[in-house]
N, C-alpha and C. Protein backbone atom coordinates (compact mmCIF):
# COMPACT_ATOMS: atom_id res chain seq x y z
N UNK A 1 50.80 44.42 60.84
CA UNK A 1 49.69 44.87 59.99
C UNK A 1 48.37 44.63 60.73
N UNK A 2 47.57 45.68 60.81
CA UNK A 2 46.30 45.58 61.52
C UNK A 2 45.23 45.00 60.61
N UNK A 3 44.84 43.74 60.88
CA UNK A 3 43.73 43.11 60.15
C UNK A 3 42.67 42.67 61.15
N UNK A 4 42.18 43.60 61.91
CA UNK A 4 41.19 43.27 62.93
C UNK A 4 39.79 43.28 62.31
N UNK A 5 38.80 42.96 63.13
CA UNK A 5 37.41 43.03 62.70
C UNK A 5 37.11 42.08 61.56
N UNK A 6 36.47 42.58 60.52
CA UNK A 6 36.02 41.73 59.41
C UNK A 6 37.18 41.16 58.59
N UNK A 7 38.37 41.70 58.73
CA UNK A 7 39.54 41.23 57.98
C UNK A 7 40.38 40.21 58.75
N UNK A 8 40.03 39.97 60.01
CA UNK A 8 40.86 39.12 60.87
C UNK A 8 40.80 37.67 60.46
N UNK A 9 41.90 36.95 60.70
CA UNK A 9 41.93 35.52 60.44
C UNK A 9 43.12 35.11 59.61
N UNK A 10 43.44 33.82 59.66
CA UNK A 10 44.59 33.29 58.94
C UNK A 10 44.18 32.47 57.72
N UNK A 11 42.88 32.39 57.44
CA UNK A 11 42.37 31.59 56.32
C UNK A 11 41.47 32.47 55.46
N UNK A 12 41.91 32.82 54.24
CA UNK A 12 41.09 33.71 53.41
C UNK A 12 39.76 33.09 53.00
N UNK A 13 39.70 31.75 52.89
CA UNK A 13 38.46 31.10 52.51
C UNK A 13 37.44 31.18 53.64
N UNK A 14 37.91 31.12 54.88
CA UNK A 14 37.02 31.29 56.03
C UNK A 14 36.48 32.72 56.08
N UNK A 15 37.33 33.69 55.77
CA UNK A 15 36.88 35.08 55.73
C UNK A 15 35.83 35.24 54.64
N UNK A 16 36.09 34.67 53.46
CA UNK A 16 35.14 34.77 52.36
C UNK A 16 33.80 34.13 52.73
N UNK A 17 33.84 32.97 53.38
CA UNK A 17 32.59 32.31 53.79
C UNK A 17 31.84 33.17 54.80
N UNK A 18 32.56 33.80 55.73
CA UNK A 18 31.91 34.65 56.73
C UNK A 18 31.25 35.85 56.07
N UNK A 19 31.93 36.46 55.11
CA UNK A 19 31.34 37.60 54.41
C UNK A 19 30.11 37.17 53.62
N UNK A 20 30.18 36.02 52.95
CA UNK A 20 29.03 35.54 52.19
C UNK A 20 27.85 35.25 53.12
N UNK A 21 28.11 34.67 54.28
CA UNK A 21 27.05 34.41 55.25
C UNK A 21 26.36 35.71 55.67
N UNK A 22 27.15 36.76 55.90
CA UNK A 22 26.57 38.06 56.23
C UNK A 22 25.72 38.58 55.08
N UNK A 23 26.24 38.43 53.86
CA UNK A 23 25.52 38.92 52.69
C UNK A 23 24.20 38.19 52.51
N UNK A 24 24.17 36.90 52.83
CA UNK A 24 22.94 36.11 52.68
C UNK A 24 21.81 36.65 53.54
N UNK A 25 22.17 37.33 54.64
CA UNK A 25 21.15 37.91 55.52
C UNK A 25 20.76 39.33 55.10
N UNK A 26 21.52 39.93 54.16
CA UNK A 26 21.30 41.33 53.81
C UNK A 26 20.86 41.55 52.37
N UNK A 27 21.47 40.82 51.44
CA UNK A 27 21.21 41.06 50.02
C UNK A 27 19.83 40.52 49.63
N UNK A 28 19.03 41.29 48.89
CA UNK A 28 17.68 40.82 48.54
C UNK A 28 17.67 39.71 47.49
N UNK A 29 18.67 39.68 46.63
CA UNK A 29 18.71 38.68 45.56
C UNK A 29 20.14 38.19 45.31
N UNK A 30 20.28 36.88 45.17
CA UNK A 30 21.53 36.26 44.73
C UNK A 30 22.79 36.81 45.42
N UNK A 31 22.91 36.65 46.73
CA UNK A 31 24.12 37.12 47.41
C UNK A 31 25.37 36.38 46.95
N UNK A 32 25.19 35.22 46.30
CA UNK A 32 26.32 34.42 45.82
C UNK A 32 26.66 34.71 44.35
N UNK A 33 26.11 35.79 43.79
CA UNK A 33 26.40 36.14 42.40
C UNK A 33 27.83 36.66 42.29
N UNK A 34 28.52 36.20 41.24
CA UNK A 34 29.87 36.69 40.96
C UNK A 34 29.92 37.14 39.51
N UNK A 35 30.71 38.19 39.25
CA UNK A 35 31.00 38.62 37.89
C UNK A 35 32.26 37.88 37.47
N UNK A 36 32.09 36.91 36.58
CA UNK A 36 33.17 36.02 36.17
C UNK A 36 33.82 36.55 34.90
N UNK A 37 35.14 36.69 34.92
CA UNK A 37 35.89 37.20 33.78
C UNK A 37 36.77 36.12 33.17
N UNK A 38 36.75 36.07 31.84
CA UNK A 38 37.61 35.16 31.07
C UNK A 38 38.14 35.95 29.88
N UNK A 39 39.05 35.34 29.12
CA UNK A 39 39.51 35.97 27.88
C UNK A 39 39.44 34.95 26.75
N UNK A 40 39.21 35.46 25.52
CA UNK A 40 39.18 34.57 24.37
C UNK A 40 40.60 34.37 23.83
N UNK A 41 40.73 33.64 22.74
CA UNK A 41 42.07 33.31 22.22
C UNK A 41 42.84 34.53 21.73
N UNK A 42 42.11 35.65 21.48
CA UNK A 42 42.78 36.88 21.06
C UNK A 42 43.07 37.81 22.24
N UNK A 43 42.73 37.36 23.44
CA UNK A 43 42.95 38.18 24.63
C UNK A 43 41.82 39.16 24.91
N UNK A 44 40.73 39.08 24.13
CA UNK A 44 39.58 39.96 24.36
C UNK A 44 38.81 39.46 25.58
N UNK A 45 38.57 40.34 26.57
CA UNK A 45 37.91 39.88 27.79
C UNK A 45 36.40 39.70 27.62
N UNK A 46 35.86 38.82 28.44
CA UNK A 46 34.42 38.58 28.57
C UNK A 46 34.09 38.57 30.05
N UNK A 47 32.93 39.08 30.42
CA UNK A 47 32.50 39.01 31.81
C UNK A 47 31.00 38.78 31.84
N UNK A 48 30.55 37.97 32.81
CA UNK A 48 29.14 37.68 32.96
C UNK A 48 28.87 37.26 34.41
N UNK A 49 27.60 37.35 34.80
CA UNK A 49 27.22 36.96 36.15
C UNK A 49 26.90 35.47 36.19
N UNK A 50 27.46 34.78 37.19
CA UNK A 50 27.13 33.39 37.47
C UNK A 50 26.95 33.25 38.98
N UNK A 51 26.43 32.11 39.41
CA UNK A 51 26.21 31.90 40.84
C UNK A 51 27.29 30.98 41.41
N UNK A 52 27.99 31.49 42.40
CA UNK A 52 28.97 30.69 43.12
C UNK A 52 28.22 29.68 43.99
N UNK A 53 28.58 28.41 43.90
CA UNK A 53 27.83 27.39 44.63
C UNK A 53 28.54 26.87 45.87
N UNK A 54 29.86 27.05 45.94
CA UNK A 54 30.55 26.55 47.13
C UNK A 54 31.89 27.26 47.30
N UNK A 55 32.21 27.56 48.55
CA UNK A 55 33.56 27.99 48.92
C UNK A 55 34.17 26.83 49.67
N UNK A 56 35.09 26.14 49.02
CA UNK A 56 35.71 24.97 49.62
C UNK A 56 36.89 25.38 50.48
N UNK A 57 37.63 24.39 50.98
CA UNK A 57 38.77 24.68 51.84
C UNK A 57 39.86 25.46 51.10
N UNK A 58 39.93 25.31 49.76
CA UNK A 58 41.00 25.96 49.02
C UNK A 58 40.57 26.36 47.61
N UNK A 59 39.26 26.53 47.38
CA UNK A 59 38.80 26.86 46.03
C UNK A 59 37.36 27.39 46.06
N UNK A 60 36.97 27.98 44.92
CA UNK A 60 35.62 28.49 44.72
C UNK A 60 35.01 27.72 43.54
N UNK A 61 33.76 27.25 43.68
CA UNK A 61 33.17 26.37 42.68
C UNK A 61 31.86 26.95 42.14
N UNK A 62 31.73 26.92 40.80
CA UNK A 62 30.45 27.22 40.16
C UNK A 62 30.23 26.16 39.08
N UNK A 63 29.02 26.14 38.52
CA UNK A 63 28.65 25.11 37.54
C UNK A 63 28.17 25.76 36.25
N UNK A 64 28.44 25.07 35.13
CA UNK A 64 28.06 25.62 33.83
C UNK A 64 28.09 24.54 32.76
N UNK A 65 27.67 24.95 31.57
CA UNK A 65 27.80 24.13 30.37
C UNK A 65 29.23 24.31 29.86
N UNK A 66 29.97 23.22 29.73
CA UNK A 66 31.36 23.32 29.29
C UNK A 66 31.49 23.83 27.86
N UNK A 67 30.42 23.71 27.07
CA UNK A 67 30.45 24.20 25.71
C UNK A 67 30.11 25.67 25.59
N UNK A 68 29.74 26.31 26.69
CA UNK A 68 29.43 27.74 26.67
C UNK A 68 30.70 28.53 26.37
N UNK A 69 30.52 29.82 26.09
CA UNK A 69 31.67 30.68 25.83
C UNK A 69 32.64 30.66 27.00
N UNK A 70 32.11 30.82 28.21
CA UNK A 70 32.99 30.83 29.37
C UNK A 70 33.68 29.48 29.55
N UNK A 71 32.93 28.39 29.32
CA UNK A 71 33.53 27.07 29.44
C UNK A 71 34.67 26.86 28.47
N UNK A 72 34.47 27.28 27.22
CA UNK A 72 35.51 27.12 26.22
C UNK A 72 36.71 28.01 26.49
N UNK A 73 36.46 29.24 26.93
CA UNK A 73 37.57 30.14 27.20
C UNK A 73 38.39 29.68 28.40
N UNK A 74 37.72 29.16 29.41
CA UNK A 74 38.45 28.63 30.57
C UNK A 74 39.24 27.39 30.18
N UNK A 75 38.65 26.53 29.35
CA UNK A 75 39.36 25.33 28.91
C UNK A 75 40.63 25.69 28.16
N UNK A 76 40.58 26.77 27.37
CA UNK A 76 41.74 27.18 26.57
C UNK A 76 42.83 27.83 27.41
N UNK A 77 42.44 28.65 28.38
CA UNK A 77 43.44 29.40 29.15
C UNK A 77 43.80 28.75 30.48
N UNK A 78 42.83 28.01 31.07
CA UNK A 78 43.04 27.43 32.39
C UNK A 78 42.99 28.45 33.51
N UNK A 79 42.47 29.66 33.21
CA UNK A 79 42.46 30.74 34.20
C UNK A 79 41.14 31.49 34.18
N UNK A 80 40.82 32.14 35.30
CA UNK A 80 39.62 32.98 35.38
C UNK A 80 39.78 33.93 36.56
N UNK A 81 38.92 34.93 36.58
CA UNK A 81 38.87 35.89 37.69
C UNK A 81 37.41 36.20 37.97
N UNK A 82 37.13 36.64 39.19
CA UNK A 82 35.78 37.09 39.48
C UNK A 82 35.79 38.12 40.59
N UNK A 83 34.68 38.83 40.70
CA UNK A 83 34.46 39.75 41.81
C UNK A 83 33.06 39.49 42.35
N UNK A 84 32.95 39.49 43.68
CA UNK A 84 31.66 39.48 44.38
C UNK A 84 31.51 40.86 45.00
N UNK A 85 30.37 41.50 44.77
CA UNK A 85 30.14 42.83 45.32
C UNK A 85 28.81 42.87 46.03
N UNK A 86 28.82 43.33 47.27
CA UNK A 86 27.59 43.43 48.05
C UNK A 86 27.34 44.88 48.42
N UNK A 87 26.33 45.49 47.79
CA UNK A 87 26.02 46.89 48.08
C UNK A 87 25.59 47.06 49.53
N UNK A 88 24.82 46.08 50.05
CA UNK A 88 24.30 46.21 51.40
C UNK A 88 25.42 46.23 52.44
N UNK A 89 26.50 45.49 52.19
CA UNK A 89 27.62 45.44 53.12
C UNK A 89 28.72 46.44 52.77
N UNK A 90 28.65 46.98 51.56
CA UNK A 90 29.72 47.85 51.05
C UNK A 90 31.07 47.14 51.09
N UNK A 91 31.03 45.91 50.56
CA UNK A 91 32.25 45.10 50.51
C UNK A 91 32.34 44.37 49.18
N UNK A 92 33.55 43.96 48.84
CA UNK A 92 33.73 43.11 47.68
C UNK A 92 34.93 42.19 47.88
N UNK A 93 34.91 41.09 47.14
CA UNK A 93 36.03 40.14 47.13
C UNK A 93 36.41 39.93 45.67
N UNK A 94 37.69 40.08 45.38
CA UNK A 94 38.21 39.82 44.03
C UNK A 94 39.11 38.59 44.08
N UNK A 95 39.00 37.75 43.06
CA UNK A 95 39.76 36.49 43.01
C UNK A 95 40.32 36.30 41.60
N UNK A 96 41.58 35.85 41.53
CA UNK A 96 42.20 35.45 40.26
C UNK A 96 42.91 34.13 40.48
N UNK A 97 42.78 33.21 39.51
CA UNK A 97 43.45 31.94 39.72
C UNK A 97 43.34 30.98 38.55
N UNK A 98 43.77 29.76 38.81
CA UNK A 98 43.72 28.70 37.81
C UNK A 98 42.44 27.89 38.03
N UNK A 99 42.04 27.14 37.00
CA UNK A 99 40.74 26.47 37.03
C UNK A 99 40.87 25.00 36.64
N UNK A 100 40.18 24.16 37.38
CA UNK A 100 40.05 22.74 37.03
C UNK A 100 38.57 22.38 37.01
N UNK A 101 38.27 21.25 36.36
CA UNK A 101 36.89 20.79 36.28
C UNK A 101 36.50 19.97 37.50
N UNK A 102 35.22 20.07 37.83
CA UNK A 102 34.61 19.17 38.80
C UNK A 102 33.51 18.42 38.05
N UNK A 103 33.84 17.24 37.52
CA UNK A 103 32.86 16.50 36.73
C UNK A 103 32.69 15.07 37.24
N UNK A 104 32.83 14.91 38.55
CA UNK A 104 32.66 13.61 39.18
C UNK A 104 31.43 13.57 40.06
N UNK A 105 31.47 12.76 41.12
CA UNK A 105 30.31 12.58 42.01
C UNK A 105 29.78 13.89 42.61
N UNK A 106 30.68 14.84 42.90
CA UNK A 106 30.23 16.10 43.47
C UNK A 106 29.33 16.86 42.48
N UNK A 107 29.73 16.85 41.22
CA UNK A 107 28.91 17.50 40.18
C UNK A 107 27.59 16.75 40.00
N UNK A 108 27.65 15.43 40.04
CA UNK A 108 26.41 14.63 39.93
C UNK A 108 25.44 14.98 41.05
N UNK A 109 25.97 15.08 42.28
CA UNK A 109 25.12 15.37 43.43
C UNK A 109 24.51 16.77 43.33
N UNK A 110 25.31 17.75 42.90
CA UNK A 110 24.76 19.09 42.76
C UNK A 110 23.69 19.13 41.67
N UNK A 111 23.96 18.48 40.54
CA UNK A 111 22.97 18.47 39.45
C UNK A 111 21.67 17.84 39.93
N UNK A 112 21.76 16.74 40.67
CA UNK A 112 20.56 16.06 41.17
C UNK A 112 19.77 16.92 42.15
N UNK A 113 20.43 17.88 42.81
CA UNK A 113 19.76 18.74 43.78
C UNK A 113 18.96 19.86 43.13
N UNK A 114 19.19 20.10 41.84
CA UNK A 114 18.50 21.17 41.14
C UNK A 114 17.06 20.76 40.81
N UNK A 115 16.23 21.75 40.55
CA UNK A 115 14.84 21.44 40.19
C UNK A 115 14.82 20.67 38.87
N UNK A 116 13.76 19.90 38.66
CA UNK A 116 13.65 19.11 37.43
C UNK A 116 13.71 20.01 36.20
N UNK A 117 13.02 21.15 36.24
CA UNK A 117 13.02 22.05 35.08
C UNK A 117 14.41 22.58 34.79
N UNK A 118 15.19 22.85 35.83
CA UNK A 118 16.56 23.32 35.62
C UNK A 118 17.43 22.23 35.02
N UNK A 119 17.22 20.98 35.46
CA UNK A 119 17.98 19.86 34.90
C UNK A 119 17.63 19.63 33.44
N UNK A 120 16.35 19.70 33.12
CA UNK A 120 15.93 19.55 31.73
C UNK A 120 16.45 20.70 30.88
N UNK A 121 16.45 21.89 31.46
CA UNK A 121 16.97 23.06 30.75
C UNK A 121 18.44 22.93 30.42
N UNK A 122 19.20 22.32 31.32
CA UNK A 122 20.62 22.11 31.07
C UNK A 122 20.83 21.21 29.85
N UNK A 123 19.99 20.21 29.72
CA UNK A 123 20.06 19.32 28.55
C UNK A 123 19.61 20.04 27.28
N UNK A 124 18.57 20.88 27.38
CA UNK A 124 17.96 21.49 26.21
C UNK A 124 18.76 22.64 25.62
N UNK A 125 19.47 23.38 26.46
CA UNK A 125 20.14 24.59 26.01
C UNK A 125 21.53 24.31 25.43
N UNK A 126 21.76 24.78 24.23
CA UNK A 126 23.11 24.79 23.63
C UNK A 126 23.71 26.15 23.99
N UNK A 127 24.13 26.28 25.23
CA UNK A 127 24.46 27.58 25.81
C UNK A 127 25.45 28.38 24.96
N UNK A 128 25.12 29.64 24.79
CA UNK A 128 25.92 30.63 24.05
C UNK A 128 25.80 30.51 22.53
N UNK A 129 25.09 29.48 22.03
CA UNK A 129 24.93 29.32 20.58
C UNK A 129 23.69 30.09 20.11
N UNK A 130 23.67 30.52 18.84
CA UNK A 130 22.50 31.24 18.32
C UNK A 130 21.22 30.41 18.46
N UNK A 131 20.11 31.10 18.72
CA UNK A 131 18.81 30.46 18.93
C UNK A 131 17.78 31.16 18.05
N UNK A 132 17.01 30.39 17.28
CA UNK A 132 16.06 30.99 16.33
C UNK A 132 14.89 31.67 17.04
N UNK A 133 14.43 31.09 18.16
CA UNK A 133 13.30 31.68 18.88
C UNK A 133 13.17 31.02 20.25
N UNK A 134 12.42 31.69 21.13
CA UNK A 134 12.15 31.08 22.43
C UNK A 134 11.29 29.83 22.27
N UNK A 135 10.41 29.87 21.28
CA UNK A 135 9.55 28.71 21.03
C UNK A 135 10.39 27.47 20.70
N UNK A 136 11.48 27.67 19.95
CA UNK A 136 12.36 26.55 19.61
C UNK A 136 13.01 25.97 20.86
N UNK A 137 13.40 26.86 21.78
CA UNK A 137 14.01 26.40 23.03
C UNK A 137 12.99 25.61 23.86
N UNK A 138 11.76 26.12 23.95
CA UNK A 138 10.74 25.44 24.73
C UNK A 138 10.39 24.09 24.12
N UNK A 139 10.39 24.02 22.79
CA UNK A 139 10.11 22.75 22.12
C UNK A 139 11.22 21.74 22.42
N UNK A 140 12.47 22.21 22.44
CA UNK A 140 13.59 21.33 22.76
C UNK A 140 13.49 20.84 24.20
N UNK A 141 13.08 21.73 25.12
CA UNK A 141 12.92 21.34 26.52
C UNK A 141 11.83 20.29 26.67
N UNK A 142 10.74 20.44 25.93
CA UNK A 142 9.65 19.45 25.98
C UNK A 142 10.13 18.11 25.43
N UNK A 143 10.90 18.14 24.36
CA UNK A 143 11.44 16.91 23.78
C UNK A 143 12.36 16.21 24.78
N UNK A 144 13.20 17.00 25.43
CA UNK A 144 14.12 16.44 26.43
C UNK A 144 13.34 15.80 27.58
N UNK A 145 12.26 16.46 28.00
CA UNK A 145 11.44 15.92 29.09
C UNK A 145 10.90 14.54 28.74
N UNK A 146 10.53 14.35 27.47
CA UNK A 146 10.00 13.05 27.05
C UNK A 146 11.08 11.98 26.97
N UNK A 147 12.27 12.37 26.54
CA UNK A 147 13.33 11.38 26.33
C UNK A 147 14.14 11.09 27.59
N UNK A 148 14.29 12.10 28.48
CA UNK A 148 15.14 11.93 29.66
C UNK A 148 14.38 11.50 30.91
N UNK A 149 13.05 11.71 30.90
CA UNK A 149 12.25 11.27 32.03
C UNK A 149 12.33 12.18 33.24
N UNK A 150 11.79 11.73 34.39
CA UNK A 150 11.67 12.58 35.57
C UNK A 150 12.94 12.71 36.41
N UNK A 151 13.97 11.95 36.06
CA UNK A 151 15.21 12.03 36.84
C UNK A 151 16.43 12.00 35.91
N UNK A 152 16.60 13.05 35.10
CA UNK A 152 17.69 13.03 34.12
C UNK A 152 19.06 13.08 34.79
N UNK A 153 19.97 12.30 34.25
CA UNK A 153 21.35 12.32 34.75
C UNK A 153 22.03 13.62 34.30
N UNK A 154 23.14 13.92 34.93
CA UNK A 154 23.91 15.11 34.54
C UNK A 154 24.46 14.93 33.13
N UNK A 155 24.28 15.96 32.28
CA UNK A 155 24.85 15.86 30.93
C UNK A 155 26.38 15.81 30.98
N UNK A 156 27.00 15.10 30.06
CA UNK A 156 28.47 15.03 30.06
C UNK A 156 29.13 16.36 29.74
N UNK A 157 28.36 17.28 29.15
CA UNK A 157 28.90 18.59 28.78
C UNK A 157 28.62 19.65 29.86
N UNK A 158 28.16 19.25 31.02
CA UNK A 158 27.76 20.19 32.08
C UNK A 158 28.40 19.74 33.38
N UNK A 159 28.99 20.69 34.12
CA UNK A 159 29.57 20.33 35.40
C UNK A 159 30.17 21.53 36.10
N UNK A 160 31.04 21.25 37.06
CA UNK A 160 31.61 22.30 37.87
C UNK A 160 32.94 22.80 37.35
N UNK A 161 33.25 24.04 37.73
CA UNK A 161 34.56 24.62 37.50
C UNK A 161 35.05 25.15 38.84
N UNK A 162 36.24 24.73 39.18
CA UNK A 162 36.82 25.04 40.49
C UNK A 162 37.96 26.03 40.30
N UNK A 163 37.80 27.22 40.87
CA UNK A 163 38.84 28.25 40.77
C UNK A 163 39.75 28.16 41.98
N UNK A 164 41.03 27.89 41.71
CA UNK A 164 42.06 27.82 42.74
C UNK A 164 42.80 29.15 42.76
N UNK A 165 42.55 30.00 43.74
CA UNK A 165 43.07 31.35 43.66
C UNK A 165 44.58 31.46 43.90
N UNK A 166 45.18 32.35 43.13
CA UNK A 166 46.54 32.81 43.38
C UNK A 166 46.51 34.18 44.04
N UNK A 167 45.39 34.89 43.89
CA UNK A 167 45.17 36.16 44.57
C UNK A 167 43.73 36.25 45.05
N UNK A 168 43.56 36.75 46.27
CA UNK A 168 42.24 37.07 46.81
C UNK A 168 42.36 38.46 47.45
N UNK A 169 41.50 39.35 47.06
CA UNK A 169 41.52 40.68 47.66
C UNK A 169 40.20 40.96 48.36
N UNK A 170 40.29 41.40 49.60
CA UNK A 170 39.12 41.79 50.39
C UNK A 170 39.08 43.32 50.47
N UNK A 171 37.94 43.88 50.13
CA UNK A 171 37.77 45.34 50.06
C UNK A 171 36.55 45.74 50.87
N UNK A 172 36.69 46.79 51.67
CA UNK A 172 35.54 47.33 52.41
C UNK A 172 35.54 48.84 52.29
N UNK A 173 34.35 49.37 52.13
CA UNK A 173 34.17 50.81 51.96
C UNK A 173 34.67 51.58 53.19
N UNK A 174 35.35 52.68 52.94
CA UNK A 174 35.84 53.52 54.03
C UNK A 174 35.37 54.96 53.88
N UNK A 175 35.37 55.68 54.98
CA UNK A 175 34.95 57.08 54.95
C UNK A 175 35.86 57.88 54.02
N UNK A 176 35.27 58.84 53.31
CA UNK A 176 36.00 59.73 52.40
C UNK A 176 36.74 58.94 51.31
N UNK A 177 36.19 57.78 50.96
CA UNK A 177 36.75 56.89 49.94
C UNK A 177 38.15 56.40 50.30
N UNK A 178 38.46 56.40 51.58
CA UNK A 178 39.71 55.81 52.07
C UNK A 178 39.41 54.36 52.47
N UNK A 179 39.24 53.52 51.47
CA UNK A 179 38.79 52.16 51.67
C UNK A 179 39.89 51.29 52.27
N UNK A 180 39.47 50.17 52.85
CA UNK A 180 40.41 49.17 53.35
C UNK A 180 40.51 48.05 52.32
N UNK A 181 41.76 47.71 51.96
CA UNK A 181 42.01 46.65 50.97
C UNK A 181 43.16 45.79 51.46
N UNK A 182 42.93 44.47 51.47
CA UNK A 182 43.99 43.52 51.81
C UNK A 182 44.07 42.47 50.70
N UNK A 183 45.27 42.29 50.17
CA UNK A 183 45.48 41.31 49.11
C UNK A 183 46.28 40.13 49.64
N UNK A 184 45.69 38.95 49.49
CA UNK A 184 46.36 37.69 49.79
C UNK A 184 46.90 37.15 48.46
N UNK A 185 48.17 36.80 48.39
CA UNK A 185 48.72 36.28 47.14
C UNK A 185 49.68 35.13 47.44
N UNK A 186 49.84 34.25 46.43
CA UNK A 186 50.77 33.13 46.55
C UNK A 186 51.28 32.79 45.15
N UNK A 187 52.44 32.18 45.08
CA UNK A 187 53.07 31.91 43.79
C UNK A 187 52.44 30.72 43.08
N UNK A 188 51.92 29.77 43.82
CA UNK A 188 51.19 28.64 43.24
C UNK A 188 50.21 28.12 44.29
N UNK A 189 49.36 27.19 43.91
CA UNK A 189 48.26 26.78 44.79
C UNK A 189 48.73 25.96 45.99
N UNK A 190 49.99 25.55 46.02
CA UNK A 190 50.50 24.81 47.17
C UNK A 190 51.31 25.70 48.11
N UNK A 191 51.56 26.93 47.70
CA UNK A 191 52.41 27.84 48.48
C UNK A 191 51.61 28.52 49.59
N UNK A 192 52.34 29.08 50.55
CA UNK A 192 51.71 29.85 51.61
C UNK A 192 51.31 31.23 51.10
N UNK A 193 50.45 31.88 51.87
CA UNK A 193 49.93 33.19 51.49
C UNK A 193 50.83 34.32 51.97
N UNK A 194 50.95 35.34 51.15
CA UNK A 194 51.54 36.62 51.53
C UNK A 194 50.42 37.63 51.59
N UNK A 195 50.38 38.47 52.61
CA UNK A 195 49.29 39.41 52.80
C UNK A 195 49.84 40.83 52.84
N UNK A 196 49.21 41.74 52.09
CA UNK A 196 49.62 43.14 52.13
C UNK A 196 48.40 44.05 52.07
N UNK A 197 48.53 45.17 52.75
CA UNK A 197 47.48 46.19 52.67
C UNK A 197 47.76 47.03 51.42
N UNK A 198 46.69 47.38 50.69
CA UNK A 198 46.81 48.17 49.49
C UNK A 198 46.20 49.56 49.70
N UNK A 199 46.75 50.53 48.97
CA UNK A 199 46.11 51.84 48.94
C UNK A 199 44.72 51.72 48.34
N UNK A 200 43.80 52.57 48.77
CA UNK A 200 42.45 52.51 48.20
C UNK A 200 42.43 52.96 46.74
């Protein structure tokens, strides 16, 4: 199977990191944005944009409020999917897998690296819950600033979610819509990868 050029390599996470690095030099805004998909208890899908914060040796990590809709749906199913799409590169990466929490020192360190206003906002927002007005949110943020001080700790309801992929698909635009697609798949997170080329 010919996987030369941008598809070459034996590590899909290394390929993903290389593509993201290219995108960081090309995309005008948020090259690390992913469209994250989850399902509710009735199987109804939800999708929203979040920012991918790290591609680890064997997982993809983003951060959120665990009480948010996505946090609750992931907690119930233990699964999620996402797609990264870069118009400038005419490429995308699709991922499906199981999810675990990152709520230890790594999450603490990432939270501490955020701006003070973002940290206070994480405390103030009851993410995904109804809100009476923007003024109410700003008042809550001001209250949090007074009570939490200039160096607020990470909230217990906020942290990382680590997606351990069972499938990763790399897609690149081709002439006449004859695109190149390679799917990496494995039966569980400890198994080796199987790679196949897919029809466009």
